[in-house]
Amino acid sequence: LGFMGRDSLGRRYNFAGHPYLRPAFDEKR
């Protein structure tokens, strides 16, 4: 899903998601 903001250690992130689980599920449903 990605992550934007600070983590529990105070580090800042602006990480775009890279979906892999949902597309694989949809493909093999």
PDB file of all heavy atoms in Angstrom:
ATOM      1  N   LEU A   1       0.786  -1.230   0.000  1.00  0.00           N
ATOM      2  CA  LEU A   1       0.000   0.000   0.000  1.00  0.00           C
ATOM      3  C   LEU A   1       0.820   1.284   0.000  1.00  0.00           C
ATOM      4  O   LEU A   1       0.284   2.356  -0.254  1.00  0.00           O
ATOM      5  CB  LEU A   1      -0.926   0.012   1.229  1.00  0.00           C
ATOM      6  CG  LEU A   1      -1.865  -1.178   1.374  1.00  0.00           C
ATOM      7  CD1 LEU A   1      -2.624  -1.102   2.670  1.00  0.00           C
ATOM      8  CD2 LEU A   1      -2.799  -1.263   0.179  1.00  0.00           C
ATOM      9  N   GLY A   2       2.105   1.179   0.318  1.00  0.00           N
ATOM     10  CA  GLY A   2       2.936   2.365   0.451  1.00  0.00           C
ATOM     11  C   GLY A   2       2.864   2.923   1.863  1.00  0.00           C
ATOM     12  O   GLY A   2       2.079   2.467   2.692  1.00  0.00           O
ATOM     13  N   PHE A   3       3.700   3.920   2.131  1.00  0.00           N
ATOM     14  CA  PHE A   3       3.708   4.528   3.461  1.00  0.00           C
ATOM     15  C   PHE A   3       4.228   5.946   3.345  1.00  0.00           C
ATOM     16  O   PHE A   3       5.273   6.197   2.753  1.00  0.00           O
ATOM     17  CB  PHE A   3       4.592   3.733   4.418  1.00  0.00           C
ATOM     18  CG  PHE A   3       4.626   4.303   5.807  1.00  0.00           C
ATOM     19  CD1 PHE A   3       3.547   4.144   6.652  1.00  0.00           C
ATOM     20  CD2 PHE A   3       5.730   4.998   6.260  1.00  0.00           C
ATOM     21  CE1 PHE A   3       3.560   4.672   7.933  1.00  0.00           C
ATOM     22  CE2 PHE A   3       5.751   5.526   7.537  1.00  0.00           C
ATOM     23  CZ  PHE A   3       4.666   5.367   8.378  1.00  0.00           C
ATOM     24  N   MET A   4       3.479   6.874   3.921  1.00  0.00           N
ATOM     25  CA  MET A   4       3.892   8.273   3.956  1.00  0.00           C
ATOM     26  C   MET A   4       3.772   8.748   5.391  1.00  0.00           C
ATOM     27  O   MET A   4       2.793   8.449   6.071  1.00  0.00           O
ATOM     28  CB  MET A   4       3.006   9.106   3.035  1.00  0.00           C
ATOM     29  CG  MET A   4       3.142   8.721   1.584  1.00  0.00           C
ATOM     30  SD  MET A   4       1.873   9.414   0.531  1.00  0.00           S
ATOM     31  CE  MET A   4       2.455  11.071   0.365  1.00  0.00           C
ATOM     32  N   GLY A   5       4.776   9.437   5.856  1.00  0.00           N
ATOM     33  CA  GLY A   5       4.742   9.967   7.212  1.00  0.00           C
ATOM     34  C   GLY A   5       5.905   9.449   8.028  1.00  0.00           C
ATOM     35  O   GLY A   5       6.898   8.964   7.497  1.00  0.00           O
ATOM     36  N   ARG A   6       5.760   9.543   9.332  1.00  0.00           N
ATOM     37  CA  ARG A   6       6.826   9.110  10.254  1.00  0.00           C
ATOM     38  C   ARG A   6       6.505   7.726  10.807  1.00  0.00           C
ATOM     39  O   ARG A   6       5.360   7.424  11.119  1.00  0.00           O
ATOM     40  CB  ARG A   6       6.978  10.092  11.396  1.00  0.00           C
ATOM     41  CG  ARG A   6       7.478  11.447  10.971  1.00  0.00           C
ATOM     42  CD  ARG A   6       7.802  12.317  12.186  1.00  0.00           C
ATOM     43  NE  ARG A   6       8.196  13.652  11.774  1.00  0.00           N
ATOM     44  CZ  ARG A   6       9.449  13.985  11.453  1.00  0.00           C
ATOM     45  NH1 ARG A   6      10.396  13.084  11.485  1.00  0.00           N
ATOM     46  NH2 ARG A   6       9.725  15.222  11.094  1.00  0.00           N
ATOM     47  N   ASP A   7       7.560   6.929  10.954  1.00  0.00           N
ATOM     48  CA  ASP A   7       7.367   5.624  11.574  1.00  0.00           C
ATOM     49  C   ASP A   7       7.536   5.755  13.087  1.00  0.00           C
ATOM     50  O   ASP A   7       7.696   6.866  13.612  1.00  0.00           O
ATOM     51  CB  ASP A   7       8.318   4.576  10.977  1.00  0.00           C
ATOM     52  CG  ASP A   7       9.783   4.826  11.301  1.00  0.00           C
ATOM     53  OD1 ASP A   7      10.105   5.763  12.060  1.00  0.00           O
ATOM     54  OD2 ASP A   7      10.616   4.066  10.782  1.00  0.00           O
ATOM     55  N   SER A   8       7.499   4.637  13.789  1.00  0.00           N
ATOM     56  CA  SER A   8       7.565   4.665  15.261  1.00  0.00           C
ATOM     57  C   SER A   8       8.907   5.174  15.782  1.00  0.00           C
ATOM     58  O   SER A   8       9.005   5.580  16.937  1.00  0.00           O
ATOM     59  CB  SER A   8       7.276   3.274  15.829  1.00  0.00           C
ATOM     60  OG  SER A   8       8.257   2.354  15.376  1.00  0.00           O
ATOM     61  N   LEU A   9       9.940   5.182  14.926  1.00  0.00           N
ATOM     62  CA  LEU A   9      11.251   5.692  15.326  1.00  0.00           C
ATOM     63  C   LEU A   9      11.454   7.147  14.901  1.00  0.00           C
ATOM     64  O   LEU A   9      12.526   7.706  15.102  1.00  0.00           O
ATOM     65  CB  LEU A   9      12.362   4.822  14.732  1.00  0.00           C
ATOM     66  CG  LEU A   9      12.361   3.368  15.178  1.00  0.00           C
ATOM     67  CD1 LEU A   9      13.441   2.587  14.454  1.00  0.00           C
ATOM     68  CD2 LEU A   9      12.524   3.259  16.684  1.00  0.00           C
ATOM     69  N   GLY A  10      10.416   7.746  14.294  1.00  0.00           N
ATOM     70  CA  GLY A  10      10.502   9.146  13.888  1.00  0.00           C
ATOM     71  C   GLY A  10      11.074   9.375  12.501  1.00  0.00           C
ATOM     72  O   GLY A  10      11.248  10.521  12.089  1.00  0.00           O
ATOM     73  N   ARG A  11      11.384   8.309  11.776  1.00  0.00           N
ATOM     74  CA  ARG A  11      11.932   8.456  10.426  1.00  0.00           C
ATOM     75  C   ARG A  11      10.803   8.819   9.460  1.00  0.00           C
ATOM     76  O   ARG A  11       9.710   8.296   9.564  1.00  0.00           O
ATOM     77  CB  ARG A  11      12.604   7.158   9.968  1.00  0.00           C
ATOM     78  CG  ARG A  11      13.764   6.760  10.868  1.00  0.00           C
ATOM     79  CD  ARG A  11      14.304   5.418  10.505  1.00  0.00           C
ATOM     80  NE  ARG A  11      13.291   4.402  10.798  1.00  0.00           N
ATOM     81  CZ  ARG A  11      13.537   3.096  10.871  1.00  0.00           C
ATOM     82  NH1 ARG A  11      14.748   2.631  10.638  1.00  0.00           N
ATOM     83  NH2 ARG A  11      12.571   2.252  11.153  1.00  0.00           N
ATOM     84  N   ARG A  12      11.086   9.737   8.522  1.00  0.00           N
ATOM     85  CA  ARG A  12      10.085  10.158   7.545  1.00  0.00           C
ATOM     86  C   ARG A  12      10.195   9.297   6.288  1.00  0.00           C
ATOM     87  O   ARG A  12      11.278   9.034   5.798  1.00  0.00           O
ATOM     88  CB  ARG A  12      10.279  11.615   7.151  1.00  0.00           C
ATOM     89  CG  ARG A  12       9.886  12.574   8.248  1.00  0.00           C
ATOM     90  CD  ARG A  12       9.988  14.019   7.823  1.00  0.00           C
ATOM     91  NE  ARG A  12       8.958  14.471   6.899  1.00  0.00           N
ATOM     92  CZ  ARG A  12       7.690  14.690   7.213  1.00  0.00           C
ATOM     93  NH1 ARG A  12       7.273  14.449   8.434  1.00  0.00           N
ATOM     94  NH2 ARG A  12       6.834  15.151   6.326  1.00  0.00           N
ATOM     95  N   TYR A  13       9.031   8.914   5.764  1.00  0.00           N
ATOM     96  CA  TYR A  13       8.968   8.108   4.547  1.00  0.00           C
ATOM     97  C   TYR A  13       7.968   8.711   3.575  1.00  0.00           C
ATOM     98  O   TYR A  13       6.957   9.282   3.974  1.00  0.00           O
ATOM     99  CB  TYR A  13       8.521   6.680   4.871  1.00  0.00           C
ATOM    100  CG  TYR A  13       9.559   5.862   5.576  1.00  0.00           C
ATOM    101  CD1 TYR A  13       9.596   5.805   6.963  1.00  0.00           C
ATOM    102  CD2 TYR A  13      10.500   5.141   4.866  1.00  0.00           C
ATOM    103  CE1 TYR A  13      10.540   5.055   7.622  1.00  0.00           C
ATOM    104  CE2 TYR A  13      11.460   4.386   5.508  1.00  0.00           C
ATOM    105  CZ  TYR A  13      11.475   4.341   6.880  1.00  0.00           C
ATOM    106  OH  TYR A  13      12.418   3.595   7.523  1.00  0.00           O
ATOM    107  N   ASN A  14       8.265   8.574   2.313  1.00  0.00           N
ATOM    108  CA  ASN A  14       7.344   8.900   1.236  1.00  0.00           C
ATOM    109  C   ASN A  14       7.504   7.774   0.208  1.00  0.00           C
ATOM    110  O   ASN A  14       8.114   7.931  -0.842  1.00  0.00           O
ATOM    111  CB  ASN A  14       7.681  10.260   0.625  1.00  0.00           C
ATOM    112  CG  ASN A  14       6.641  10.681  -0.393  1.00  0.00           C
ATOM    113  OD1 ASN A  14       5.578  10.080  -0.498  1.00  0.00           O
ATOM    114  ND2 ASN A  14       6.961  11.697  -1.161  1.00  0.00           N
ATOM    115  N   PHE A  15       6.975   6.619   0.559  1.00  0.00           N
ATOM    116  CA  PHE A  15       7.199   5.392  -0.185  1.00  0.00           C
ATOM    117  C   PHE A  15       5.930   4.996  -0.917  1.00  0.00           C
ATOM    118  O   PHE A  15       4.902   4.716  -0.293  1.00  0.00           O
ATOM    119  CB  PHE A  15       7.616   4.288   0.800  1.00  0.00           C
ATOM    120  CG  PHE A  15       7.868   2.955   0.177  1.00  0.00           C
ATOM    121  CD1 PHE A  15       9.019   2.718  -0.546  1.00  0.00           C
ATOM    122  CD2 PHE A  15       6.941   1.940   0.302  1.00  0.00           C
ATOM    123  CE1 PHE A  15       9.244   1.484  -1.122  1.00  0.00           C
ATOM    124  CE2 PHE A  15       7.154   0.700  -0.265  1.00  0.00           C
ATOM    125  CZ  PHE A  15       8.319   0.487  -0.982  1.00  0.00           C
ATOM    126  N   ALA A  16       5.975   4.990  -2.241  1.00  0.00           N
ATOM    127  CA  ALA A  16       4.818   4.565  -3.035  1.00  0.00           C
ATOM    128  C   ALA A  16       4.645   3.050  -2.914  1.00  0.00           C
ATOM    129  O   ALA A  16       5.631   2.310  -2.818  1.00  0.00           O
ATOM    130  CB  ALA A  16       5.023   4.943  -4.499  1.00  0.00           C
ATOM    131  N   GLY A  17       3.420   2.606  -2.926  1.00  0.00           N
ATOM    132  CA  GLY A  17       3.152   1.177  -2.835  1.00  0.00           C
ATOM    133  C   GLY A  17       3.539   0.434  -4.104  1.00  0.00           C
ATOM    134  O   GLY A  17       3.577   1.009  -5.194  1.00  0.00           O
ATOM    135  N   HIS A  18       3.844  -0.822  -3.937  1.00  0.00           N
ATOM    136  CA  HIS A  18       4.161  -1.728  -5.047  1.00  0.00           C
ATOM    137  C   HIS A  18       3.318  -2.988  -4.864  1.00  0.00           C
ATOM    138  O   HIS A  18       3.816  -3.996  -4.352  1.00  0.00           O
ATOM    139  CB  HIS A  18       5.653  -2.072  -5.062  1.00  0.00           C
ATOM    140  CG  HIS A  18       6.522  -0.876  -5.198  1.00  0.00           C
ATOM    141  ND1 HIS A  18       7.127  -0.277  -4.126  1.00  0.00           N
ATOM    142  CD2 HIS A  18       6.854  -0.152  -6.288  1.00  0.00           C
ATOM    143  CE1 HIS A  18       7.822   0.759  -4.549  1.00  0.00           C
ATOM    144  NE2 HIS A  18       7.672   0.865  -5.854  1.00  0.00           N
ATOM    145  N   PRO A  19       2.040  -2.910  -5.251  1.00  0.00           N
ATOM    146  CA  PRO A  19       1.137  -4.042  -5.018  1.00  0.00           C
ATOM    147  C   PRO A  19       1.644  -5.334  -5.650  1.00  0.00           C
ATOM    148  O   PRO A  19       2.090  -5.340  -6.798  1.00  0.00           O
ATOM    149  CB  PRO A  19      -0.161  -3.592  -5.685  1.00  0.00           C
ATOM    150  CG  PRO A  19      -0.078  -2.111  -5.727  1.00  0.00           C
ATOM    151  CD  PRO A  19       1.372  -1.794  -5.900  1.00  0.00           C
ATOM    152  N   TYR A  20       1.618  -6.389  -4.871  1.00  0.00           N
ATOM    153  CA  TYR A  20       2.010  -7.703  -5.368  1.00  0.00           C
ATOM    154  C   TYR A  20       1.035  -8.777  -4.896  1.00  0.00           C
ATOM    155  O   TYR A  20       0.738  -9.710  -5.620  1.00  0.00           O
ATOM    156  CB  TYR A  20       3.437  -8.058  -4.939  1.00  0.00           C
ATOM    157  CG  TYR A  20       3.592  -8.248  -3.443  1.00  0.00           C
ATOM    158  CD1 TYR A  20       3.579  -9.515  -2.888  1.00  0.00           C
ATOM    159  CD2 TYR A  20       3.728  -7.162  -2.591  1.00  0.00           C
ATOM    160  CE1 TYR A  20       3.708  -9.691  -1.519  1.00  0.00           C
ATOM    161  CE2 TYR A  20       3.861  -7.332  -1.229  1.00  0.00           C
ATOM    162  CZ  TYR A  20       3.854  -8.597  -0.704  1.00  0.00           C
ATOM    163  OH  TYR A  20       3.971  -8.763   0.639  1.00  0.00           O
ATOM    164  N   LEU A  21       0.494  -8.636  -3.696  1.00  0.00           N
ATOM    165  CA  LEU A  21      -0.377  -9.666  -3.153  1.00  0.00           C
ATOM    166  C   LEU A  21      -1.758  -9.631  -3.806  1.00  0.00           C
ATOM    167  O   LEU A  21      -2.253 -10.655  -4.284  1.00  0.00           O
ATOM    168  CB  LEU A  21      -0.490  -9.507  -1.636  1.00  0.00           C
ATOM    169  CG  LEU A  21      -1.130 -10.656  -0.880  1.00  0.00           C
ATOM    170  CD1 LEU A  21      -0.361 -11.945  -1.117  1.00  0.00           C
ATOM    171  CD2 LEU A  21      -1.176 -10.351   0.603  1.00  0.00           C
ATOM    172  N   ARG A  22      -2.373  -8.466  -3.873  1.00  0.00           N
ATOM    173  CA  ARG A  22      -3.713  -8.368  -4.451  1.00  0.00           C
ATOM    174  C   ARG A  22      -3.730  -8.714  -5.944  1.00  0.00           C
ATOM    175  O   ARG A  22      -4.601  -9.478  -6.381  1.00  0.00           O
ATOM    176  CB  ARG A  22      -4.290  -6.965  -4.212  1.00  0.00           C
ATOM    177  CG  ARG A  22      -5.701  -6.793  -4.712  1.00  0.00           C
ATOM    178  CD  ARG A  22      -6.600  -7.754  -3.956  1.00  0.00           C
ATOM    179  NE  ARG A  22      -7.872  -7.917  -4.592  1.00  0.00           N
ATOM    180  CZ  ARG A  22      -9.025  -7.968  -3.951  1.00  0.00           C
ATOM    181  NH1 ARG A  22      -9.050  -7.867  -2.645  1.00  0.00           N
ATOM    182  NH2 ARG A  22     -10.132  -8.148  -4.593  1.00  0.00           N
ATOM    183  N   PRO A  23      -2.802  -8.203  -6.752  1.00  0.00           N
ATOM    184  CA  PRO A  23      -2.811  -8.598  -8.163  1.00  0.00           C
ATOM    185  C   PRO A  23      -2.621 -10.105  -8.350  1.00  0.00           C
ATOM    186  O   PRO A  23      -3.262 -10.711  -9.209  1.00  0.00           O
ATOM    187  CB  PRO A  23      -1.640  -7.819  -8.773  1.00  0.00           C
ATOM    188  CG  PRO A  23      -1.491  -6.628  -7.891  1.00  0.00           C
ATOM    189  CD  PRO A  23      -1.822  -7.127  -6.502  1.00  0.00           C
ATOM    190  N   ALA A  24      -1.769 -10.706  -7.544  1.00  0.00           N
ATOM    191  CA  ALA A  24      -1.567 -12.157  -7.639  1.00  0.00           C
ATOM    192  C   ALA A  24      -2.839 -12.898  -7.244  1.00  0.00           C
ATOM    193  O   ALA A  24      -3.225 -13.881  -7.896  1.00  0.00           O
ATOM    194  CB  ALA A  24      -0.404 -12.583  -6.754  1.00  0.00           C
ATOM    195  N   PHE A  25      -3.507 -12.432  -6.202  1.00  0.00           N
ATOM    196  CA  PHE A  25      -4.762 -13.041  -5.774  1.00  0.00           C
ATOM    197  C   PHE A  25      -5.804 -12.942  -6.887  1.00  0.00           C
ATOM    198  O   PHE A  25      -6.468 -13.919  -7.222  1.00  0.00           O
ATOM    199  CB  PHE A  25      -5.280 -12.366  -4.501  1.00  0.00           C
ATOM    200  CG  PHE A  25      -6.647 -12.818  -4.101  1.00  0.00           C
ATOM    201  CD1 PHE A  25      -6.830 -14.012  -3.431  1.00  0.00           C
ATOM    202  CD2 PHE A  25      -7.757 -12.052  -4.398  1.00  0.00           C
ATOM    203  CE1 PHE A  25      -8.097 -14.443  -3.066  1.00  0.00           C
ATOM    204  CE2 PHE A  25      -9.030 -12.467  -4.039  1.00  0.00           C
ATOM    205  CZ  PHE A  25      -9.196 -13.665  -3.375  1.00  0.00           C
ATOM    206  N   ASP A  26      -5.958 -11.748  -7.455  1.00  0.00           N
ATOM    207  CA  ASP A  26      -6.950 -11.544  -8.514  1.00  0.00           C
ATOM    208  C   ASP A  26      -6.662 -12.430  -9.720  1.00  0.00           C
ATOM    209  O   ASP A  26      -7.580 -12.989 -10.320  1.00  0.00           O
ATOM    210  CB  ASP A  26      -6.986 -10.080  -8.942  1.00  0.00           C
ATOM    211  CG  ASP A  26      -7.570  -9.168  -7.873  1.00  0.00           C
ATOM    212  OD1 ASP A  26      -8.267  -9.683  -6.961  1.00  0.00           O
ATOM    213  OD2 ASP A  26      -7.332  -7.948  -7.947  1.00  0.00           O
ATOM    214  N   GLU A  27      -5.396 -12.564 -10.059  1.00  0.00           N
ATOM    215  CA  GLU A  27      -5.005 -13.365 -11.228  1.00  0.00           C
ATOM    216  C   GLU A  27      -5.300 -14.847 -11.034  1.00  0.00           C
ATOM    217  O   GLU A  27      -5.660 -15.548 -11.970  1.00  0.00           O
ATOM    218  CB  GLU A  27      -3.514 -13.165 -11.496  1.00  0.00           C
ATOM    219  CG  GLU A  27      -3.009 -13.888 -12.722  1.00  0.00           C
ATOM    220  CD  GLU A  27      -1.538 -13.619 -12.957  1.00  0.00           C
ATOM    221  OE1 GLU A  27      -1.115 -12.453 -12.836  1.00  0.00           O
ATOM    222  OE2 GLU A  27      -0.813 -14.589 -13.240  1.00  0.00           O
ATOM    223  N   LYS A  28      -5.160 -15.339  -9.823  1.00  0.00           N
ATOM    224  CA  LYS A  28      -5.304 -16.778  -9.547  1.00  0.00           C
ATOM    225  C   LYS A  28      -6.613 -17.141  -8.856  1.00  0.00           C
ATOM    226  O   LYS A  28      -6.797 -18.280  -8.441  1.00  0.00           O
ATOM    227  CB  LYS A  28      -4.139 -17.257  -8.670  1.00  0.00           C
ATOM    228  CG  LYS A  28      -2.786 -17.120  -9.313  1.00  0.00           C
ATOM    229  CD  LYS A  28      -2.648 -18.085 -10.463  1.00  0.00           C
ATOM    230  CE  LYS A  28      -1.245 -18.067 -11.021  1.00  0.00           C
ATOM    231  NZ  LYS A  28      -1.066 -19.072 -12.047  1.00  0.00           N
ATOM    232  N   ARG A  29      -7.534 -16.200  -8.755  1.00  0.00           N
ATOM    233  CA  ARG A  29      -8.757 -16.428  -7.995  1.00  0.00           C
ATOM    234  C   ARG A  29      -9.568 -17.616  -8.517  1.00  0.00           C
ATOM    235  O   ARG A  29      -9.991 -18.478  -7.743  1.00  0.00           O
ATOM    236  CB  ARG A  29      -9.615 -15.170  -8.004  1.00  0.00           C
ATOM    237  CG  ARG A  29     -10.871 -15.328  -7.201  1.00  0.00           C
ATOM    238  CD  ARG A  29     -11.671 -14.062  -7.162  1.00  0.00           C
ATOM    239  NE  ARG A  29     -12.831 -14.253  -6.319  1.00  0.00           N
ATOM    240  CZ  ARG A  29     -13.456 -13.299  -5.700  1.00  0.00           C
ATOM    241  NH1 ARG A  29     -13.045 -12.058  -5.841  1.00  0.00           N
ATOM    242  NH2 ARG A  29     -14.500 -13.555  -4.951  1.00  0.00           N
TER     243      ARG A  29
END
